[in-house]
Amino acid sequence: MQKVEEILNFCQISDTLGTSGQPAAGQFPAIREAGYEVVINLALTTSSNAVPGEAEIVTALGMEHVHIPVIWESPTPADLDRFFEAMDRTQGRRVFVHCAMNMRVSAFVLLYRVIRQGLPPETAREAMLTIWEPNPTWARFIEEALERLGARG
């Protein structure tokens, strides 16, 4: 059986939060085996590596599935708000968040950790920078979210 650490761009953020790029269909059992209870997907169902029937696979394994499709070229404050709501609602549970490459996710998780959990931005950025350096669209999105939500850093 595969291990969760083998999933594309896997990153263990905390005891209760893991992130990655798109898991293959056969990797969802490893996510469950690792103790995750909720899978949040920020990728589009039309992404080149999307798994058809992902929600059904995840729920058949006894996990909750949340899909918040975030358009890569134009993330919105509403997308981030929906992500924050999902994360707030699942507090106390082990949550696995993925997108296509763990780029969208790393930016959203950075913002969640700073705005909701009070981490210093430079500390929260460390995990994101192991995956990528945000392009201008995403750097602007992160900065505007920090300004809008009063956690500039």
Foldseek 3Di string as FASTA:
>chain_A
DDAPVPAALWDDPDLQEIEFADGELVCLVNVVVSFAAEEEEQADCPPPRHYPPPQVSNVVSRHHYHYQHADPQAGDPVSLVVVLVVCVVQPPGRYYYYYHGCQVVLLSQLLCCCLVVVDQSVVSCVSNVVRHDDDPNSVVVSQVSCVVSVRHD
